[in-house]
Structures are given as C-alpha cells and as structure tokens.
Amino acid sequence: MGRRVERTRNGGQWTEARYFGFIRSALRSAFQKWGPKHEAKKLAKVQYNTYVCAHCDKWHGASQVEVDHIVPAGSLKSFDDLPGFVERMFCEVDGFQVLCKECHQTKTNEERQCRTGKQ
C-alpha cells in the first residue's frame, strides 16, 4: 500500500508539493512577460527571424531557439527557497543567453545530473 501524503493546502485539496508547484507555475507564467528575457533574445538576433546560439555559435530560426538562464532558477519547494528562486528567475538581461533547443536540452540535462549527484 502506498504512503498517504498529507493535504494541508487549499482547503485540504493540495499537498505541499502541489502548492509549491502552483506557485512555481504562476511565477513562470509571469516570467513570459519579463522584459529582460525578450531583450536578451533581441540582442541575439543576427537577421530577420534568425538568432545565434551562445553555445554552438550556429544560426537558428526563431522557433529553434530558447532563452536560457545562465544561472539556473533552481528549485522552489519551500518558502525558504522563494527569495532566491524569484531573484534568479527575474534577472536582468546579462543573466540570460539564447541557446538552440539542442544546446539548451544538453545544458538542462547536465544541470539536472549535477543536482541529483549523478555523473
């Protein structure tokens, strides 16, 4: 039998994990309107709808690039994590880089491996 997780948030409907997932999601939604993120992409533009990846230096179309936090935003699993998470997520333009999807996925996978201690 599985262990029952206590539901203490939202009138007893949400676990702590669901609650902080909700907050994380709301912050990520607000991040879509963050000006420095859009400025970083604009600075990486080399010509109409074409951007240069900060890692591989190849040119890619707009749909093939993503704006990446140079310093990962990190986790948000408790109130103690909130100030640092927000500070890192809503950084200024120099805290972002534009990566092609392949380089971004590689970087993300490496960061996850470092966090979990798997090398």
PDB file of N, CA and C in Angstrom:
ATOM      1  N   MET A   1       0.834  -1.178   0.000  1.00  0.00           N
ATOM      2  CA  MET A   1       0.000   0.000   0.000  1.00  0.00           C
ATOM      3  C   MET A   1       0.875   1.237   0.000  1.00  0.00           C
ATOM      4  N   GLY A   2       0.535   2.229  -0.797  1.00  0.00           N
ATOM      5  CA  GLY A   2       1.286   3.475  -0.883  1.00  0.00           C
ATOM      6  C   GLY A   2       1.094   4.337   0.352  1.00  0.00           C
ATOM      7  N   ARG A   3       2.055   5.186   0.588  1.00  0.00           N
ATOM      8  CA  ARG A   3       2.002   6.105   1.719  1.00  0.00           C
ATOM      9  C   ARG A   3       1.098   7.270   1.359  1.00  0.00           C
ATOM     10  N   ARG A   4       0.206   7.629   2.232  1.00  0.00           N
ATOM     11  CA  ARG A   4      -0.715   8.742   2.009  1.00  0.00           C
ATOM     12  C   ARG A   4      -0.021  10.044   2.377  1.00  0.00           C
ATOM     13  N   VAL A   5      -0.046  11.006   1.434  1.00  0.00           N
ATOM     14  CA  VAL A   5       0.588  12.294   1.660  1.00  0.00           C
ATOM     15  C   VAL A   5      -0.458  13.251   2.217  1.00  0.00           C
ATOM     16  N   GLU A   6      -0.076  13.943   3.287  1.00  0.00           N
ATOM     17  CA  GLU A   6      -1.000  14.871   3.936  1.00  0.00           C
ATOM     18  C   GLU A   6      -1.323  16.039   3.004  1.00  0.00           C
ATOM     19  N   ARG A   7      -2.605  16.390   2.956  1.00  0.00           N
ATOM     20  CA  ARG A   7      -3.085  17.504   2.135  1.00  0.00           C
ATOM     21  C   ARG A   7      -3.502  18.632   3.074  1.00  0.00           C
ATOM     22  N   THR A   8      -2.660  19.662   3.115  1.00  0.00           N
ATOM     23  CA  THR A   8      -2.897  20.727   4.087  1.00  0.00           C
ATOM     24  C   THR A   8      -3.172  22.085   3.438  1.00  0.00           C
ATOM     25  N   ARG A   9      -3.135  22.156   2.128  1.00  0.00           N
ATOM     26  CA  ARG A   9      -3.309  23.439   1.434  1.00  0.00           C
ATOM     27  C   ARG A   9      -4.591  23.435   0.622  1.00  0.00           C
ATOM     28  N   ASN A  10      -5.090  24.645   0.346  1.00  0.00           N
ATOM     29  CA  ASN A  10      -6.273  24.821  -0.498  1.00  0.00           C
ATOM     30  C   ASN A  10      -7.459  24.011   0.043  1.00  0.00           C
ATOM     31  N   GLY A  11      -7.747  24.230   1.306  1.00  0.00           N
ATOM     32  CA  GLY A  11      -8.880  23.545   1.921  1.00  0.00           C
ATOM     33  C   GLY A  11      -8.712  22.042   2.005  1.00  0.00           C
ATOM     34  N   GLY A  12      -7.484  21.589   2.149  1.00  0.00           N
ATOM     35  CA  GLY A  12      -7.221  20.154   2.249  1.00  0.00           C
ATOM     36  C   GLY A  12      -7.198  19.433   0.917  1.00  0.00           C
ATOM     37  N   GLN A  13      -7.141  20.180  -0.183  1.00  0.00           N
ATOM     38  CA  GLN A  13      -7.154  19.565  -1.511  1.00  0.00           C
ATOM     39  C   GLN A  13      -5.746  19.321  -2.072  1.00  0.00           C
ATOM     40  N   TRP A  14      -4.760  20.107  -1.625  1.00  0.00           N
ATOM     41  CA  TRP A  14      -3.412  20.043  -2.195  1.00  0.00           C
ATOM     42  C   TRP A  14      -2.380  19.612  -1.167  1.00  0.00           C
ATOM     43  N   THR A  15      -1.391  18.861  -1.663  1.00  0.00           N
ATOM     44  CA  THR A  15      -0.209  18.547  -0.856  1.00  0.00           C
ATOM     45  C   THR A  15       0.727  19.759  -0.911  1.00  0.00           C
ATOM     46  N   GLU A  16       1.762  19.739  -0.091  1.00  0.00           N
ATOM     47  CA  GLU A  16       2.763  20.811  -0.141  1.00  0.00           C
ATOM     48  C   GLU A  16       3.412  20.875  -1.527  1.00  0.00           C
ATOM     49  N   ALA A  17       3.687  19.719  -2.113  1.00  0.00           N
ATOM     50  CA  ALA A  17       4.308  19.685  -3.444  1.00  0.00           C
ATOM     51  C   ALA A  17       3.399  20.344  -4.480  1.00  0.00           C
ATOM     52  N   ARG A  18       2.114  20.054  -4.433  1.00  0.00           N
ATOM     53  CA  ARG A  18       1.165  20.654  -5.382  1.00  0.00           C
ATOM     54  C   ARG A  18       1.072  22.156  -5.164  1.00  0.00           C
ATOM     55  N   TYR A  19       1.086  22.587  -3.925  1.00  0.00           N
ATOM     56  CA  TYR A  19       1.012  24.000  -3.578  1.00  0.00           C
ATOM     57  C   TYR A  19       2.203  24.765  -4.159  1.00  0.00           C
ATOM     58  N   PHE A  20       3.415  24.264  -3.934  1.00  0.00           N
ATOM     59  CA  PHE A  20       4.592  24.955  -4.453  1.00  0.00           C
ATOM     60  C   PHE A  20       4.694  24.807  -5.968  1.00  0.00           C
ATOM     61  N   GLY A  21       4.140  23.749  -6.530  1.00  0.00           N
ATOM     62  CA  GLY A  21       4.051  23.627  -7.987  1.00  0.00           C
ATOM     63  C   GLY A  21       3.159  24.712  -8.566  1.00  0.00           C
ATOM     64  N   PHE A  22       2.087  25.008  -7.879  1.00  0.00           N
ATOM     65  CA  PHE A  22       1.168  26.075  -8.292  1.00  0.00           C
ATOM     66  C   PHE A  22       1.873  27.433  -8.280  1.00  0.00           C
ATOM     67  N   ILE A  23       2.613  27.708  -7.221  1.00  0.00           N
ATOM     68  CA  ILE A  23       3.349  28.976  -7.122  1.00  0.00           C
ATOM     69  C   ILE A  23       4.414  29.058  -8.219  1.00  0.00           C
ATOM     70  N   ARG A  24       5.143  27.966  -8.429  1.00  0.00           N
ATOM     71  CA  ARG A  24       6.154  27.912  -9.487  1.00  0.00           C
ATOM     72  C   ARG A  24       5.536  28.206 -10.843  1.00  0.00           C
ATOM     73  N   SER A  25       4.402  27.590 -11.106  1.00  0.00           N
ATOM     74  CA  SER A  25       3.700  27.784 -12.377  1.00  0.00           C
ATOM     75  C   SER A  25       3.256  29.234 -12.558  1.00  0.00           C
ATOM     76  N   ALA A  26       2.742  29.852 -11.506  1.00  0.00           N
ATOM     77  CA  ALA A  26       2.304  31.245 -11.578  1.00  0.00           C
ATOM     78  C   ALA A  26       3.486  32.165 -11.861  1.00  0.00           C
ATOM     79  N   LEU A  27       4.621  31.897 -11.230  1.00  0.00           N
ATOM     80  CA  LEU A  27       5.813  32.715 -11.472  1.00  0.00           C
ATOM     81  C   LEU A  27       6.331  32.522 -12.894  1.00  0.00           C
ATOM     82  N   ARG A  28       6.308  31.302 -13.396  1.00  0.00           N
ATOM     83  CA  ARG A  28       6.758  31.044 -14.773  1.00  0.00           C
ATOM     84  C   ARG A  28       5.839  31.734 -15.779  1.00  0.00           C
ATOM     85  N   SER A  29       4.572  31.790 -15.476  1.00  0.00           N
ATOM     86  CA  SER A  29       3.624  32.495 -16.337  1.00  0.00           C
ATOM     87  C   SER A  29       3.941  33.988 -16.366  1.00  0.00           C
ATOM     88  N   ALA A  30       4.203  34.574 -15.215  1.00  0.00           N
ATOM     89  CA  ALA A  30       4.572  35.992 -15.143  1.00  0.00           C
ATOM     90  C   ALA A  30       5.888  36.237 -15.865  1.00  0.00           C
ATOM     91  N   PHE A  31       6.793  35.272 -15.820  1.00  0.00           N
ATOM     92  CA  PHE A  31       8.104  35.396 -16.462  1.00  0.00           C
ATOM     93  C   PHE A  31       7.982  35.592 -17.977  1.00  0.00           C
ATOM     94  N   GLN A  32       6.919  35.079 -18.565  1.00  0.00           N
ATOM     95  CA  GLN A  32       6.730  35.219 -20.015  1.00  0.00           C
ATOM     96  C   GLN A  32       6.645  36.682 -20.433  1.00  0.00           C
ATOM     97  N   LYS A  33       6.306  37.559 -19.507  1.00  0.00           N
ATOM     98  CA  LYS A  33       6.183  38.991 -19.799  1.00  0.00           C
ATOM     99  C   LYS A  33       7.405  39.781 -19.329  1.00  0.00           C
ATOM    100  N   TRP A  34       8.445  39.107 -18.859  1.00  0.00           N
ATOM    101  CA  TRP A  34       9.615  39.769 -18.297  1.00  0.00           C
ATOM    102  C   TRP A  34      10.458  40.395 -19.413  1.00  0.00           C
ATOM    103  N   GLY A  35      10.583  41.699 -19.407  1.00  0.00           N
ATOM    104  CA  GLY A  35      11.264  42.458 -20.448  1.00  0.00           C
ATOM    105  C   GLY A  35      12.698  42.038 -20.726  1.00  0.00           C
ATOM    106  N   PRO A  36      13.551  41.866 -19.707  1.00  0.00           N
ATOM    107  CA  PRO A  36      14.939  41.481 -19.973  1.00  0.00           C
ATOM    108  C   PRO A  36      15.068  40.156 -20.731  1.00  0.00           C
ATOM    109  N   LYS A  37      14.138  39.257 -20.540  1.00  0.00           N
ATOM    110  CA  LYS A  37      14.149  37.996 -21.293  1.00  0.00           C
ATOM    111  C   LYS A  37      14.009  38.291 -22.785  1.00  0.00           C
ATOM    112  N   HIS A  38      13.060  39.144 -23.129  1.00  0.00           N
ATOM    113  CA  HIS A  38      12.823  39.488 -24.537  1.00  0.00           C
ATOM    114  C   HIS A  38      13.980  40.303 -25.113  1.00  0.00           C
ATOM    115  N   GLU A  39      14.578  41.142 -24.287  1.00  0.00           N
ATOM    116  CA  GLU A  39      15.736  41.935 -24.722  1.00  0.00           C
ATOM    117  C   GLU A  39      16.912  41.024 -25.049  1.00  0.00           C
ATOM    118  N   ALA A  40      17.132  39.984 -24.248  1.00  0.00           N
ATOM    119  CA  ALA A  40      18.223  39.038 -24.498  1.00  0.00           C
ATOM    120  C   ALA A  40      18.039  38.355 -25.846  1.00  0.00           C
ATOM    121  N   LYS A  41      16.813  37.988 -26.165  1.00  0.00           N
ATOM    122  CA  LYS A  41      16.561  37.351 -27.459  1.00  0.00           C
ATOM    123  C   LYS A  41      16.800  38.340 -28.597  1.00  0.00           C
ATOM    124  N   LYS A  42      16.366  39.568 -28.388  1.00  0.00           N
ATOM    125  CA  LYS A  42      16.560  40.610 -29.392  1.00  0.00           C
ATOM    126  C   LYS A  42      18.061  40.831 -29.660  1.00  0.00           C
ATOM    127  N   LEU A  43      18.865  40.809 -28.623  1.00  0.00           N
ATOM    128  CA  LEU A  43      20.307  41.010 -28.769  1.00  0.00           C
ATOM    129  C   LEU A  43      20.994  39.857 -29.497  1.00  0.00           C
ATOM    130  N   ALA A  44      20.400  38.670 -29.465  1.00  0.00           N
ATOM    131  CA  ALA A  44      20.985  37.504 -30.135  1.00  0.00           C
ATOM    132  C   ALA A  44      20.556  37.410 -31.601  1.00  0.00           C
ATOM    133  N   LYS A  45      19.693  38.316 -32.026  1.00  0.00           N
ATOM    134  CA  LYS A  45      19.200  38.284 -33.404  1.00  0.00           C
ATOM    135  C   LYS A  45      20.312  38.745 -34.342  1.00  0.00           C
ATOM    136  N   VAL A  46      20.552  37.962 -35.409  1.00  0.00           N
ATOM    137  CA  VAL A  46      21.574  38.321 -36.387  1.00  0.00           C
ATOM    138  C   VAL A  46      20.966  38.826 -37.696  1.00  0.00           C
ATOM    139  N   GLN A  47      19.756  38.440 -37.946  1.00  0.00           N
ATOM    140  CA  GLN A  47      18.994  38.956 -39.076  1.00  0.00           C
ATOM    141  C   GLN A  47      17.546  38.563 -38.856  1.00  0.00           C
ATOM    142  N   TYR A  48      16.674  38.960 -39.754  1.00  0.00           N
ATOM    143  CA  TYR A  48      15.242  38.712 -39.585  1.00  0.00           C
ATOM    144  C   TYR A  48      14.981  37.261 -39.203  1.00  0.00           C
ATOM    145  N   ASN A  49      14.385  37.059 -38.034  1.00  0.00           N
ATOM    146  CA  ASN A  49      13.976  35.736 -37.546  1.00  0.00           C
ATOM    147  C   ASN A  49      15.111  34.726 -37.428  1.00  0.00           C
ATOM    148  N   THR A  50      16.347  35.196 -37.294  1.00  0.00           N
ATOM    149  CA  THR A  50      17.497  34.307 -37.172  1.00  0.00           C
ATOM    150  C   THR A  50      18.329  34.739 -35.978  1.00  0.00           C
ATOM    151  N   TYR A  51      18.720  33.757 -35.159  1.00  0.00           N
ATOM    152  CA  TYR A  51      19.439  34.013 -33.916  1.00  0.00           C
ATOM    153  C   TYR A  51      20.675  33.131 -33.849  1.00  0.00           C
ATOM    154  N   VAL A  52      21.666  33.585 -33.106  1.00  0.00           N
ATOM    155  CA  VAL A  52      22.882  32.801 -32.925  1.00  0.00           C
ATOM    156  C   VAL A  52      22.856  32.171 -31.531  1.00  0.00           C
ATOM    157  N   CYS A  53      23.162  30.887 -31.481  1.00  0.00           N
ATOM    158  CA  CYS A  53      23.213  30.145 -30.216  1.00  0.00           C
ATOM    159  C   CYS A  53      24.495  30.513 -29.477  1.00  0.00           C
ATOM    160  N   ALA A  54      24.385  30.806 -28.196  1.00  0.00           N
ATOM    161  CA  ALA A  54      25.540  31.195 -27.379  1.00  0.00           C
ATOM    162  C   ALA A  54      26.515  30.035 -27.139  1.00  0.00           C
ATOM    163  N   HIS A  55      26.078  28.793 -27.363  1.00  0.00           N
ATOM    164  CA  HIS A  55      26.973  27.655 -27.134  1.00  0.00           C
ATOM    165  C   HIS A  55      27.609  27.142 -28.415  1.00  0.00           C
ATOM    166  N   CYS A  56      26.813  26.841 -29.408  1.00  0.00           N
ATOM    167  CA  CYS A  56      27.361  26.241 -30.631  1.00  0.00           C
ATOM    168  C   CYS A  56      27.694  27.281 -31.702  1.00  0.00           C
ATOM    169  N   ASP A  57      27.283  28.530 -31.495  1.00  0.00           N
ATOM    170  CA  ASP A  57      27.531  29.640 -32.426  1.00  0.00           C
ATOM    171  C   ASP A  57      26.893  29.452 -33.798  1.00  0.00           C
ATOM    172  N   LYS A  58      25.966  28.521 -33.914  1.00  0.00           N
ATOM    173  CA  LYS A  58      25.266  28.326 -35.186  1.00  0.00           C
ATOM    174  C   LYS A  58      24.039  29.223 -35.230  1.00  0.00           C
ATOM    175  N   TRP A  59      23.602  29.525 -36.424  1.00  0.00           N
ATOM    176  CA  TRP A  59      22.415  30.342 -36.628  1.00  0.00           C
ATOM    177  C   TRP A  59      21.183  29.445 -36.690  1.00  0.00           C
ATOM    178  N   HIS A  60      20.095  29.898 -36.059  1.00  0.00           N
ATOM    179  CA  HIS A  60      18.862  29.118 -35.990  1.00  0.00           C
ATOM    180  C   HIS A  60      17.668  30.047 -36.165  1.00  0.00           C
ATOM    181  N   GLY A  61      16.584  29.494 -36.670  1.00  0.00           N
ATOM    182  CA  GLY A  61      15.339  30.235 -36.784  1.00  0.00           C
ATOM    183  C   GLY A  61      14.720  30.464 -35.410  1.00  0.00           C
ATOM    184  N   ALA A  62      13.795  31.408 -35.358  1.00  0.00           N
ATOM    185  CA  ALA A  62      13.170  31.796 -34.086  1.00  0.00           C
ATOM    186  C   ALA A  62      12.536  30.617 -33.358  1.00  0.00           C
ATOM    187  N   SER A  63      11.959  29.686 -34.075  1.00  0.00           N
ATOM    188  CA  SER A  63      11.291  28.555 -33.423  1.00  0.00           C
ATOM    189  C   SER A  63      12.278  27.513 -32.909  1.00  0.00           C
ATOM    190  N   GLN A  64      13.555  27.674 -33.226  1.00  0.00           N
ATOM    191  CA  GLN A  64      14.565  26.704 -32.820  1.00  0.00           C
ATOM    192  C   GLN A  64      15.469  27.193 -31.684  1.00  0.00           C
ATOM    193  N   VAL A  65      15.147  28.372 -31.123  1.00  0.00           N
ATOM    194  CA  VAL A  65      15.957  28.900 -30.020  1.00  0.00           C
ATOM    195  C   VAL A  65      15.098  29.149 -28.792  1.00  0.00           C
ATOM    196  N   GLU A  66      15.753  29.159 -27.642  1.00  0.00           N
ATOM    197  CA  GLU A  66      15.090  29.410 -26.362  1.00  0.00           C
ATOM    198  C   GLU A  66      15.977  30.315 -25.520  1.00  0.00           C
ATOM    199  N   VAL A  67      15.360  31.133 -24.695  1.00  0.00           N
ATOM    200  CA  VAL A  67      16.108  31.988 -23.780  1.00  0.00           C
ATOM    201  C   VAL A  67      16.379  31.179 -22.512  1.00  0.00           C
ATOM    202  N   ASP A  68      17.639  31.120 -22.128  1.00  0.00           N
ATOM    203  CA  ASP A  68      18.089  30.301 -21.003  1.00  0.00           C
ATOM    204  C   ASP A  68      18.639  31.188 -19.898  1.00  0.00           C
ATOM    205  N   HIS A  69      18.369  30.801 -18.659  1.00  0.00           N
ATOM    206  CA  HIS A  69      19.008  31.450 -17.514  1.00  0.00           C
ATOM    207  C   HIS A  69      20.443  30.933 -17.424  1.00  0.00           C
ATOM    208  N   ILE A  70      21.417  31.820 -17.423  1.00  0.00           N
ATOM    209  CA  ILE A  70      22.806  31.394 -17.284  1.00  0.00           C
ATOM    210  C   ILE A  70      22.983  30.697 -15.940  1.00  0.00           C
ATOM    211  N   VAL A  71      22.455  31.293 -14.886  1.00  0.00           N
ATOM    212  CA  VAL A  71      22.413  30.656 -13.563  1.00  0.00           C
ATOM    213  C   VAL A  71      21.003  30.098 -13.406  1.00  0.00           C
ATOM    214  N   PRO A  72      20.851  28.790 -13.277  1.00  0.00           N
ATOM    215  CA  PRO A  72      19.508  28.201 -13.189  1.00  0.00           C
ATOM    216  C   PRO A  72      18.670  28.820 -12.065  1.00  0.00           C
ATOM    217  N   ALA A  73      17.380  28.944 -12.303  1.00  0.00           N
ATOM    218  CA  ALA A  73      16.473  29.491 -11.291  1.00  0.00           C
ATOM    219  C   ALA A  73      16.427  28.590 -10.064  1.00  0.00           C
ATOM    220  N   GLY A  74      16.653  27.309 -10.237  1.00  0.00           N
ATOM    221  CA  GLY A  74      16.702  26.384  -9.111  1.00  0.00           C
ATOM    222  C   GLY A  74      15.345  25.832  -8.737  1.00  0.00           C
ATOM    223  N   SER A  75      15.246  25.368  -7.510  1.00  0.00           N
ATOM    224  CA  SER A  75      14.016  24.718  -7.071  1.00  0.00           C
ATOM    225  C   SER A  75      13.189  25.651  -6.196  1.00  0.00           C
ATOM    226  N   LEU A  76      11.930  25.329  -6.108  1.00  0.00           N
ATOM    227  CA  LEU A  76      11.007  26.056  -5.241  1.00  0.00           C
ATOM    228  C   LEU A  76      10.153  25.002  -4.546  1.00  0.00           C
ATOM    229  N   LYS A  77      10.625  24.575  -3.375  1.00  0.00           N
ATOM    230  CA  LYS A  77       9.942  23.512  -2.643  1.00  0.00           C
ATOM    231  C   LYS A  77       9.501  23.941  -1.253  1.00  0.00           C
ATOM    232  N   SER A  78       9.902  25.162  -0.882  1.00  0.00           N
ATOM    233  CA  SER A  78       9.502  25.694   0.424  1.00  0.00           C
ATOM    234  C   SER A  78       9.575  27.215   0.379  1.00  0.00           C
ATOM    235  N   PHE A  79       9.041  27.851   1.410  1.00  0.00           N
ATOM    236  CA  PHE A  79       9.093  29.311   1.469  1.00  0.00           C
ATOM    237  C   PHE A  79      10.528  29.814   1.555  1.00  0.00           C
ATOM    238  N   ASP A  80      11.412  29.024   2.132  1.00  0.00           N
ATOM    239  CA  ASP A  80      12.820  29.416   2.228  1.00  0.00           C
ATOM    240  C   ASP A  80      13.461  29.561   0.851  1.00  0.00           C
ATOM    241  N   ASP A  81      12.974  28.805  -0.134  1.00  0.00           N
ATOM    242  CA  ASP A  81      13.516  28.850  -1.493  1.00  0.00           C
ATOM    243  C   ASP A  81      13.016  30.056  -2.283  1.00  0.00           C
ATOM    244  N   LEU A  82      11.921  30.657  -1.849  1.00  0.00           N
ATOM    245  CA  LEU A  82      11.232  31.681  -2.640  1.00  0.00           C
ATOM    246  C   LEU A  82      12.086  32.894  -3.001  1.00  0.00           C
ATOM    247  N   PRO A  83      12.766  33.559  -2.070  1.00  0.00           N
ATOM    248  CA  PRO A  83      13.524  34.756  -2.453  1.00  0.00           C
ATOM    249  C   PRO A  83      14.598  34.483  -3.508  1.00  0.00           C
ATOM    250  N   GLY A  84      15.377  33.431  -3.330  1.00  0.00           N
ATOM    251  CA  GLY A  84      16.434  33.101  -4.293  1.00  0.00           C
ATOM    252  C   GLY A  84      15.880  32.705  -5.638  1.00  0.00           C
ATOM    253  N   PHE A  85      14.806  31.922  -5.630  1.00  0.00           N
ATOM    254  CA  PHE A  85      14.175  31.484  -6.874  1.00  0.00           C
ATOM    255  C   PHE A  85      13.699  32.691  -7.676  1.00  0.00           C
ATOM    256  N   VAL A  86      13.010  33.613  -7.023  1.00  0.00           N
ATOM    257  CA  VAL A  86      12.485  34.803  -7.701  1.00  0.00           C
ATOM    258  C   VAL A  86      13.637  35.675  -8.200  1.00  0.00           C
ATOM    259  N   GLU A  87      14.646  35.855  -7.386  1.00  0.00           N
ATOM    260  CA  GLU A  87      15.802  36.681  -7.772  1.00  0.00           C
ATOM    261  C   GLU A  87      16.485  36.112  -9.008  1.00  0.00           C
ATOM    262  N   ARG A  88      16.670  34.793  -9.044  1.00  0.00           N
ATOM    263  CA  ARG A  88      17.332  34.169 -10.193  1.00  0.00           C
ATOM    264  C   ARG A  88      16.427  34.136 -11.419  1.00  0.00           C
ATOM    265  N   MET A  89      15.141  33.895 -11.231  1.00  0.00           N
ATOM    266  CA  MET A  89      14.229  33.823 -12.367  1.00  0.00           C
ATOM    267  C   MET A  89      14.073  35.171 -13.054  1.00  0.00           C
ATOM    268  N   PHE A  90      13.903  36.224 -12.259  1.00  0.00           N
ATOM    269  CA  PHE A  90      13.661  37.552 -12.808  1.00  0.00           C
ATOM    270  C   PHE A  90      14.952  38.371 -12.803  1.00  0.00           C
ATOM    271  N   CYS A  91      15.976  37.828 -13.443  1.00  0.00           N
ATOM    272  CA  CYS A  91      17.266  38.510 -13.512  1.00  0.00           C
ATOM    273  C   CYS A  91      17.258  39.535 -14.651  1.00  0.00           C
ATOM    274  N   GLU A  92      18.321  40.284 -14.743  1.00  0.00           N
ATOM    275  CA  GLU A  92      18.452  41.273 -15.805  1.00  0.00           C
ATOM    276  C   GLU A  92      18.996  40.609 -17.071  1.00  0.00           C
ATOM    277  N   VAL A  93      19.092  41.376 -18.129  1.00  0.00           N
ATOM    278  CA  VAL A  93      19.427  40.842 -19.450  1.00  0.00           C
ATOM    279  C   VAL A  93      20.760  40.081 -19.446  1.00  0.00           C
ATOM    280  N   ASP A  94      21.726  40.506 -18.648  1.00  0.00           N
ATOM    281  CA  ASP A  94      23.018  39.823 -18.634  1.00  0.00           C
ATOM    282  C   ASP A  94      22.963  38.453 -17.956  1.00  0.00           C
ATOM    283  N   GLY A  95      21.840  38.098 -17.386  1.00  0.00           N
ATOM    284  CA  GLY A  95      21.663  36.783 -16.777  1.00  0.00           C
ATOM    285  C   GLY A  95      21.047  35.760 -17.720  1.00  0.00           C
ATOM    286  N   PHE A  96      20.835  36.171 -18.976  1.00  0.00           N
ATOM    287  CA  PHE A  96      20.224  35.286 -19.973  1.00  0.00           C
ATOM    288  C   PHE A  96      21.167  35.037 -21.133  1.00  0.00           C
ATOM    289  N   GLN A  97      20.924  33.936 -21.824  1.00  0.00           N
ATOM    290  CA  GLN A  97      21.595  33.642 -23.083  1.00  0.00           C
ATOM    291  C   GLN A  97      20.593  32.942 -23.982  1.00  0.00           C
ATOM    292  N   VAL A  98      20.797  33.060 -25.267  1.00  0.00           N
ATOM    293  CA  VAL A  98      19.922  32.400 -26.231  1.00  0.00           C
ATOM    294  C   VAL A  98      20.643  31.146 -26.709  1.00  0.00           C
ATOM    295  N   LEU A  99      19.964  30.011 -26.569  1.00  0.00           N
ATOM    296  CA  LEU A  99      20.510  28.717 -26.979  1.00  0.00           C
ATOM    297  C   LEU A  99      19.571  28.054 -27.973  1.00  0.00           C
ATOM    298  N   CYS A 100      20.152  27.278 -28.892  1.00  0.00           N
ATOM    299  CA  CYS A 100      19.298  26.447 -29.738  1.00  0.00           C
ATOM    300  C   CYS A 100      18.691  25.375 -28.842  1.00  0.00           C
ATOM    301  N   LYS A 101      17.612  24.779 -29.291  1.00  0.00           N
ATOM    302  CA  LYS A 101      16.920  23.793 -28.456  1.00  0.00           C
ATOM    303  C   LYS A 101      17.819  22.634 -28.054  1.00  0.00           C
ATOM    304  N   GLU A 102      18.678  22.204 -28.967  1.00  0.00           N
ATOM    305  CA  GLU A 102      19.570  21.075 -28.666  1.00  0.00           C
ATOM    306  C   GLU A 102      20.573  21.442 -27.567  1.00  0.00           C
ATOM    307  N   CYS A 103      21.214  22.605 -27.685  1.00  0.00           N
ATOM    308  CA  CYS A 103      22.167  23.037 -26.654  1.00  0.00           C
ATOM    309  C   CYS A 103      21.463  23.293 -25.324  1.00  0.00           C
ATOM    310  N   HIS A 104      20.256  23.840 -25.381  1.00  0.00           N
ATOM    311  CA  HIS A 104      19.504  24.107 -24.149  1.00  0.00           C
ATOM    312  C   HIS A 104      19.172  22.797 -23.443  1.00  0.00           C
ATOM    313  N   GLN A 105      18.756  21.782 -24.201  1.00  0.00           N
ATOM    314  CA  GLN A 105      18.431  20.494 -23.592  1.00  0.00           C
ATOM    315  C   GLN A 105      19.670  19.853 -22.978  1.00  0.00           C
ATOM    316  N   THR A 106      20.798  19.945 -23.682  1.00  0.00           N
ATOM    317  CA  THR A 106      22.054  19.397 -23.159  1.00  0.00           C
ATOM    318  C   THR A 106      22.425  20.084 -21.854  1.00  0.00           C
ATOM    319  N   LYS A 107      22.351  21.408 -21.809  1.00  0.00           N
ATOM    320  CA  LYS A 107      22.680  22.171 -20.608  1.00  0.00           C
ATOM    321  C   LYS A 107      21.736  21.802 -19.461  1.00  0.00           C
ATOM    322  N   THR A 108      20.451  21.702 -19.759  1.00  0.00           N
ATOM    323  CA  THR A 108      19.454  21.341 -18.747  1.00  0.00           C
ATOM    324  C   THR A 108      19.741  19.953 -18.179  1.00  0.00           C
ATOM    325  N   ASN A 109      20.034  18.998 -19.037  1.00  0.00           N
ATOM    326  CA  ASN A 109      20.339  17.636 -18.580  1.00  0.00           C
ATOM    327  C   ASN A 109      21.573  17.612 -17.686  1.00  0.00           C
ATOM    328  N   GLU A 110      22.609  18.389 -18.046  1.00  0.00           N
ATOM    329  CA  GLU A 110      23.823  18.448 -17.236  1.00  0.00           C
ATOM    330  C   GLU A 110      23.527  19.055 -15.865  1.00  0.00           C
ATOM    331  N   GLU A 111      22.700  20.096 -15.832  1.00  0.00           N
ATOM    332  CA  GLU A 111      22.336  20.727 -14.561  1.00  0.00           C
ATOM    333  C   GLU A 111      21.555  19.765 -13.681  1.00  0.00           C
ATOM    334  N   ARG A 112      20.664  18.995 -14.277  1.00  0.00           N
ATOM    335  CA  ARG A 112      19.882  18.011 -13.502  1.00  0.00           C
ATOM    336  C   ARG A 112      20.801  16.937 -12.929  1.00  0.00           C
ATOM    337  N   GLN A 113      21.756  16.490 -13.714  1.00  0.00           N
ATOM    338  CA  GLN A 113      22.693  15.471 -13.235  1.00  0.00           C
ATOM    339  C   GLN A 113      23.505  15.992 -12.058  1.00  0.00           C
ATOM    340  N   CYS A 114      23.925  17.249 -12.141  1.00  0.00           N
ATOM    341  CA  CYS A 114      24.689  17.847 -11.033  1.00  0.00           C
ATOM    342  C   CYS A 114      23.840  17.954  -9.773  1.00  0.00           C
ATOM    343  N   ARG A 115      22.559  18.337  -9.928  1.00  0.00           N
ATOM    344  CA  ARG A 115      21.665  18.468  -8.767  1.00  0.00           C
ATOM    345  C   ARG A 115      21.416  17.131  -8.078  1.00  0.00           C
ATOM    346  N   THR A 116      21.283  16.077  -8.871  1.00  0.00           N
ATOM    347  CA  THR A 116      20.981  14.766  -8.289  1.00  0.00           C
ATOM    348  C   THR A 116      22.231  14.007  -7.911  1.00  0.00           C
ATOM    349  N   GLY A 117      23.410  14.549  -8.275  1.00  0.00           N
ATOM    350  CA  GLY A 117      24.665  13.908  -7.927  1.00  0.00           C
ATOM    351  C   GLY A 117      25.049  12.770  -8.837  1.00  0.00           C
ATOM    352  N   LYS A 118      24.360  12.627  -9.959  1.00  0.00           N
ATOM    353  CA  LYS A 118      24.671  11.553 -10.908  1.00  0.00           C
ATOM    354  C   LYS A 118      25.608  12.108 -11.970  1.00  0.00           C
ATOM    355  N   GLN A 119      26.757  11.507 -12.112  1.00  0.00           N
ATOM    356  CA  GLN A 119      27.739  11.956 -13.098  1.00  0.00           C
ATOM    357  C   GLN A 119      27.905  10.935 -14.183  1.00  0.00           C
TER     358      GLN A 119
END
